[in-house]
Amino acid sequence: MLVTFKSRSSSDIVMFGDVATQLLKLMGQSGDVPGAVAEGDVQNALAALEAGLAARPDTGSQPSAGDIDEDDGSAPVSLQTRALPLIDMLKAADADNVAVMWEQQ
């Protein structure tokens, strides 16, 4: 499943469903798709997401040898890194006082 985040203040963001659900739950949402954060609640959702990411043990940690992909030698992408486009969208939506919505694609 893919989830598309939409807001009038920025371009759409498409994420894998499992990543989107994790981020939605960190935002204080149920994780259900579709859904939305009203314009007056965007700032709280952003603060909850940033706090939730900061509290995760994997934030800022270096990958261990077991985390390296043996096929190409790359490390997995952290949830913090995957959250950056959504954080930017929430900041723009808060500045423009608009809602953020998400739906299954």
C-alpha atoms as a PDB file:
ATOM      1  CA  MET A   1       0.000   0.000   0.000  1.00  0.00           C
ATOM      2  CA  LEU A   2       1.101   3.544  -0.741  1.00  0.00           C
ATOM      3  CA  VAL A   3      -0.111   6.600   1.163  1.00  0.00           C
ATOM      4  CA  THR A   4      -0.221  10.086  -0.355  1.00  0.00           C
ATOM      5  CA  PHE A   5      -0.014  13.124   1.930  1.00  0.00           C
ATOM      6  CA  LYS A   6      -1.591  16.286   0.510  1.00  0.00           C
ATOM      7  CA  SER A   7      -1.680  19.928   1.494  1.00  0.00           C
ATOM      8  CA  ARG A   8      -2.378  23.126  -0.397  1.00  0.00           C
ATOM      9  CA  SER A   9       0.919  24.510   0.904  1.00  0.00           C
ATOM     10  CA  SER A  10       3.246  21.962  -0.736  1.00  0.00           C
ATOM     11  CA  SER A  11       3.596  19.161  -3.241  1.00  0.00           C
ATOM     12  CA  ASP A  12       2.148  15.727  -2.559  1.00  0.00           C
ATOM     13  CA  ILE A  13       4.289  13.169  -0.731  1.00  0.00           C
ATOM     14  CA  VAL A  14       3.996   9.429  -1.418  1.00  0.00           C
ATOM     15  CA  MET A  15       5.200   6.930   1.201  1.00  0.00           C
ATOM     16  CA  PHE A  16       4.990   3.221   1.781  1.00  0.00           C
ATOM     17  CA  GLY A  17       2.037   2.403   4.023  1.00  0.00           C
ATOM     18  CA  ASP A  18       4.043   0.957   6.920  1.00  0.00           C
ATOM     19  CA  VAL A  19       6.253   4.057   7.145  1.00  0.00           C
ATOM     20  CA  ALA A  20       3.268   6.405   6.806  1.00  0.00           C
ATOM     21  CA  THR A  21       1.405   4.555   9.565  1.00  0.00           C
ATOM     22  CA  GLN A  22       4.377   4.837  11.931  1.00  0.00           C
ATOM     23  CA  LEU A  23       4.650   8.564  11.276  1.00  0.00           C
ATOM     24  CA  LEU A  24       0.910   9.105  11.667  1.00  0.00           C
ATOM     25  CA  LYS A  25       0.975   7.379  15.051  1.00  0.00           C
ATOM     26  CA  LEU A  26       3.931   9.516  16.140  1.00  0.00           C
ATOM     27  CA  MET A  27       1.833  12.559  15.124  1.00  0.00           C
ATOM     28  CA  GLY A  28      -0.853  11.431  17.580  1.00  0.00           C
ATOM     29  CA  GLN A  29      -3.152  10.109  14.864  1.00  0.00           C
ATOM     30  CA  SER A  30      -4.794   6.676  14.790  1.00  0.00           C
ATOM     31  CA  GLY A  31      -2.824   5.565  11.744  1.00  0.00           C
ATOM     32  CA  ASP A  32      -6.010   5.064   9.749  1.00  0.00           C
ATOM     33  CA  VAL A  33      -5.995   5.900   6.068  1.00  0.00           C
ATOM     34  CA  PRO A  34      -7.643   8.132   4.861  1.00  0.00           C
ATOM     35  CA  GLY A  35      -7.438  10.920   7.405  1.00  0.00           C
ATOM     36  CA  ALA A  36      -6.561  14.548   7.984  1.00  0.00           C
ATOM     37  CA  VAL A  37      -5.181  17.075  10.430  1.00  0.00           C
ATOM     38  CA  ALA A  38      -7.249  20.262  10.520  1.00  0.00           C
ATOM     39  CA  GLU A  39      -5.436  23.549  10.021  1.00  0.00           C
ATOM     40  CA  GLY A  40      -5.710  24.414  13.718  1.00  0.00           C
ATOM     41  CA  ASP A  41      -4.139  21.111  14.782  1.00  0.00           C
ATOM     42  CA  VAL A  42      -1.144  21.007  12.432  1.00  0.00           C
ATOM     43  CA  GLN A  43       1.247  22.651  14.904  1.00  0.00           C
ATOM     44  CA  ASN A  44       0.413  20.074  17.589  1.00  0.00           C
ATOM     45  CA  ALA A  45       0.805  17.203  15.113  1.00  0.00           C
ATOM     46  CA  LEU A  46       4.198  18.564  14.056  1.00  0.00           C
ATOM     47  CA  ALA A  47       5.365  18.921  17.658  1.00  0.00           C
ATOM     48  CA  ALA A  48       4.202  15.388  18.480  1.00  0.00           C
ATOM     49  CA  LEU A  49       5.973  13.965  15.413  1.00  0.00           C
ATOM     50  CA  GLU A  50       9.245  15.720  16.211  1.00  0.00           C
ATOM     51  CA  ALA A  51       9.078  14.659  19.866  1.00  0.00           C
ATOM     52  CA  GLY A  52       8.253  11.085  18.906  1.00  0.00           C
ATOM     53  CA  LEU A  53      11.147  10.901  16.476  1.00  0.00           C
ATOM     54  CA  ALA A  54      13.546  12.373  19.035  1.00  0.00           C
ATOM     55  CA  ALA A  55      12.497   9.740  21.576  1.00  0.00           C
ATOM     56  CA  ARG A  56      13.153   6.824  19.228  1.00  0.00           C
ATOM     57  CA  PRO A  57      16.309   4.880  20.069  1.00  0.00           C
ATOM     58  CA  ASP A  58      17.382   4.637  16.411  1.00  0.00           C
ATOM     59  CA  THR A  59      17.431   8.411  15.874  1.00  0.00           C
ATOM     60  CA  GLY A  60      20.923   9.552  15.032  1.00  0.00           C
ATOM     61  CA  SER A  61      22.474   6.141  15.570  1.00  0.00           C
ATOM     62  CA  GLN A  62      24.989   4.690  13.187  1.00  0.00           C
ATOM     63  CA  PRO A  63      24.064   1.417  11.481  1.00  0.00           C
ATOM     64  CA  SER A  64      25.666  -1.702  12.884  1.00  0.00           C
ATOM     65  CA  ALA A  65      27.347  -4.277  10.687  1.00  0.00           C
ATOM     66  CA  GLY A  66      24.154  -6.360  10.734  1.00  0.00           C
ATOM     67  CA  ASP A  67      22.147  -3.436   9.333  1.00  0.00           C
ATOM     68  CA  ILE A  68      24.211  -3.143   6.157  1.00  0.00           C
ATOM     69  CA  ASP A  69      22.559  -4.517   3.020  1.00  0.00           C
ATOM     70  CA  GLU A  70      24.837  -7.277   1.796  1.00  0.00           C
ATOM     71  CA  ASP A  71      23.800  -6.791  -1.837  1.00  0.00           C
ATOM     72  CA  ASP A  72      24.903  -3.208  -2.275  1.00  0.00           C
ATOM     73  CA  GLY A  73      26.614  -2.284   1.016  1.00  0.00           C
ATOM     74  CA  SER A  74      24.094   0.425   1.874  1.00  0.00           C
ATOM     75  CA  ALA A  75      22.581   1.118   5.289  1.00  0.00           C
ATOM     76  CA  PRO A  76      18.790   1.256   5.720  1.00  0.00           C
ATOM     77  CA  VAL A  77      17.102   4.663   5.660  1.00  0.00           C
ATOM     78  CA  SER A  78      16.082   5.776   9.165  1.00  0.00           C
ATOM     79  CA  LEU A  79      12.535   6.748  10.047  1.00  0.00           C
ATOM     80  CA  GLN A  80      13.862  10.228  10.903  1.00  0.00           C
ATOM     81  CA  THR A  81      15.154  10.634   7.355  1.00  0.00           C
ATOM     82  CA  ARG A  82      11.921   9.289   5.856  1.00  0.00           C
ATOM     83  CA  ALA A  83       9.967  11.797   7.988  1.00  0.00           C
ATOM     84  CA  LEU A  84      11.755  14.902   6.654  1.00  0.00           C
ATOM     85  CA  PRO A  85       9.399  15.571   3.709  1.00  0.00           C
ATOM     86  CA  LEU A  86       6.359  15.208   5.997  1.00  0.00           C
ATOM     87  CA  ILE A  87       7.934  17.520   8.584  1.00  0.00           C
ATOM     88  CA  ASP A  88       8.522  20.106   5.851  1.00  0.00           C
ATOM     89  CA  MET A  89       4.906  19.722   4.696  1.00  0.00           C
ATOM     90  CA  LEU A  90       3.589  20.173   8.232  1.00  0.00           C
ATOM     91  CA  LYS A  91       5.734  23.287   8.741  1.00  0.00           C
ATOM     92  CA  ALA A  92       4.479  24.801   5.485  1.00  0.00           C
ATOM     93  CA  ALA A  93       0.876  23.895   6.303  1.00  0.00           C
ATOM     94  CA  ASP A  94       1.220  25.474   9.735  1.00  0.00           C
ATOM     95  CA  ALA A  95       2.682  28.656   8.235  1.00  0.00           C
ATOM     96  CA  ASP A  96      -0.126  28.847   5.659  1.00  0.00           C
ATOM     97  CA  ASN A  97      -2.798  27.720   8.151  1.00  0.00           C
ATOM     98  CA  VAL A  98      -4.041  24.868   5.941  1.00  0.00           C
ATOM     99  CA  ALA A  99      -4.924  21.223   6.605  1.00  0.00           C
ATOM    100  CA  VAL A 100      -2.881  18.121   5.790  1.00  0.00           C
ATOM    101  CA  MET A 101      -4.719  15.085   4.421  1.00  0.00           C
ATOM    102  CA  TRP A 102      -3.646  11.552   3.544  1.00  0.00           C
ATOM    103  CA  GLU A 103      -5.200   8.806   1.483  1.00  0.00           C
ATOM    104  CA  GLN A 104      -4.387   5.408   0.077  1.00  0.00           C
ATOM    105  CA  GLN A 105      -3.086   5.448  -3.461  1.00  0.00           C
END
